Protein backbone atom coordinates (compact mmCIF):
# COMPACT_ATOMS: atom_id res chain seq x y z
CA UNK A 1 -22.75 -9.93 7.96
CA UNK A 2 -19.54 -9.83 10.01
CA UNK A 3 -16.38 -9.31 7.83
CA UNK A 4 -12.93 -10.52 9.12
CA UNK A 5 -10.35 -7.86 10.14
CA UNK A 6 -8.70 -8.47 6.50
CA UNK A 7 -11.73 -7.59 4.75
CA UNK A 8 -12.49 -4.80 6.74
CA UNK A 9 -9.05 -3.49 6.12
CA UNK A 10 -9.60 -3.94 2.67
CA UNK A 11 -12.61 -1.94 2.30
CA UNK A 12 -11.23 0.69 4.77
CA UNK A 13 -8.24 1.02 2.14
CA UNK A 14 -10.40 1.27 -1.05
CA UNK A 15 -12.59 3.89 0.87
CA UNK A 16 -9.25 5.96 1.47
CA UNK A 17 -8.23 5.42 -2.22
CA UNK A 18 -11.73 6.59 -3.71
CA UNK A 19 -11.55 9.95 -1.42
CA UNK A 20 -7.90 10.52 -2.77
CA UNK A 21 -8.84 10.00 -6.45
CA UNK A 22 -11.92 11.95 -5.74
CA UNK A 23 -9.52 14.83 -4.23
CA UNK A 24 -7.11 14.48 -7.02
CA UNK A 25 -10.14 15.05 -9.71
CA UNK A 26 -11.31 18.17 -8.11
CA UNK A 27 -7.85 19.34 -7.85
CA UNK A 28 -7.91 19.40 -4.03
CA UNK A 29 -4.76 17.17 -3.95
CA UNK A 30 -1.96 17.29 -6.17
CA UNK A 31 0.26 14.17 -6.49
CA UNK A 32 3.80 14.95 -8.00
CA UNK A 33 6.73 13.36 -8.77
CA UNK A 34 9.74 14.21 -6.08
CA UNK A 35 12.39 16.84 -7.34
CA UNK A 36 16.06 15.95 -7.50
CA UNK A 37 16.73 17.69 -4.35
CA UNK A 38 14.20 15.76 -2.58
CA UNK A 39 15.11 12.03 -3.75
CA UNK A 40 18.86 13.07 -3.03
CA UNK A 41 17.91 14.31 0.64
CA UNK A 42 16.01 11.06 1.21
CA UNK A 43 18.32 8.82 -0.29
CA UNK A 44 20.94 10.41 2.14
CA UNK A 45 18.83 9.74 4.78
CA UNK A 46 18.13 6.34 4.37
CA UNK A 47 21.98 5.56 3.96
CA UNK A 48 22.89 7.21 7.20
CA UNK A 49 20.10 5.12 9.01
CA UNK A 50 21.27 1.85 7.08
CA UNK A 51 24.84 2.74 8.13
CA UNK A 52 23.93 2.95 11.88
CA UNK A 53 22.04 -0.27 12.21
CA UNK A 54 23.42 -2.88 14.47
CA UNK A 55 23.00 -6.93 12.68
CA UNK A 56 20.09 -7.34 15.00
CA UNK A 57 18.28 -4.07 13.81
CA UNK A 58 18.94 -5.27 10.25
CA UNK A 59 17.50 -8.57 10.82
CA UNK A 60 14.44 -7.39 12.40
CA UNK A 61 14.04 -4.67 9.74
CA UNK A 62 14.07 -7.13 7.10
CA UNK A 63 11.78 -9.27 8.94
CA UNK A 64 9.59 -6.38 9.47
CA UNK A 65 9.91 -5.65 5.79
CA UNK A 66 9.38 -9.37 4.74
CA UNK A 67 5.92 -9.70 6.91
CA UNK A 68 4.87 -6.11 5.06
CA UNK A 69 5.50 -7.56 1.69
CA UNK A 70 3.36 -10.82 2.65
CA UNK A 71 0.55 -8.87 3.89
CA UNK A 72 0.03 -6.85 0.93
CA UNK A 73 0.08 -10.01 -1.27
CA UNK A 74 -2.54 -11.37 0.80
CA UNK A 75 -4.34 -7.87 0.64
CA UNK A 76 -3.87 -8.04 -3.10
CA UNK A 77 -5.18 -11.26 -3.23
CA UNK A 78 -8.39 -10.41 -1.06
CA UNK A 79 -9.05 -7.28 -3.09
CA UNK A 80 -9.13 -9.54 -6.15
CA UNK A 81 -11.49 -11.95 -4.84
CA UNK A 82 -13.69 -9.08 -3.56
CA UNK A 83 -13.58 -7.46 -6.90
CA UNK A 84 -14.34 -10.78 -8.80
CA UNK A 85 -17.30 -11.24 -6.20
CA UNK A 86 -18.66 -8.18 -6.69
CA UNK A 87 -18.48 -8.11 -10.66
CA UNK A 88 -21.96 -9.04 -12.51
CA UNK A 89 -21.62 -12.59 -13.90
CA UNK A 90 -21.94 -11.10 -17.45
CA UNK A 91 -19.07 -9.25 -17.04
CA UNK A 92 -16.98 -12.29 -15.58
CA UNK A 93 -18.05 -14.99 -18.20
CA UNK A 94 -17.61 -12.53 -20.92
């Protein structure tokens, strides 16, 4: 059975998330909160990048972010549909 690119991307993402969860569970990977210093450093870097953007670059950046949000929303919908299809009927029907 062939899958469309969105389905393949969703499966690849789920595989990556599974790997991350396994690494966290085994202690191989540690996910931590940023320190106050790290948050400040990245906020300053973000502000300096934003300050130097031209109006055209700002529009392009906003368009890119809008596209990313739409893509993420579609991915979440596809993931939800995939999860519903993969669930046994007794779980879906309660």
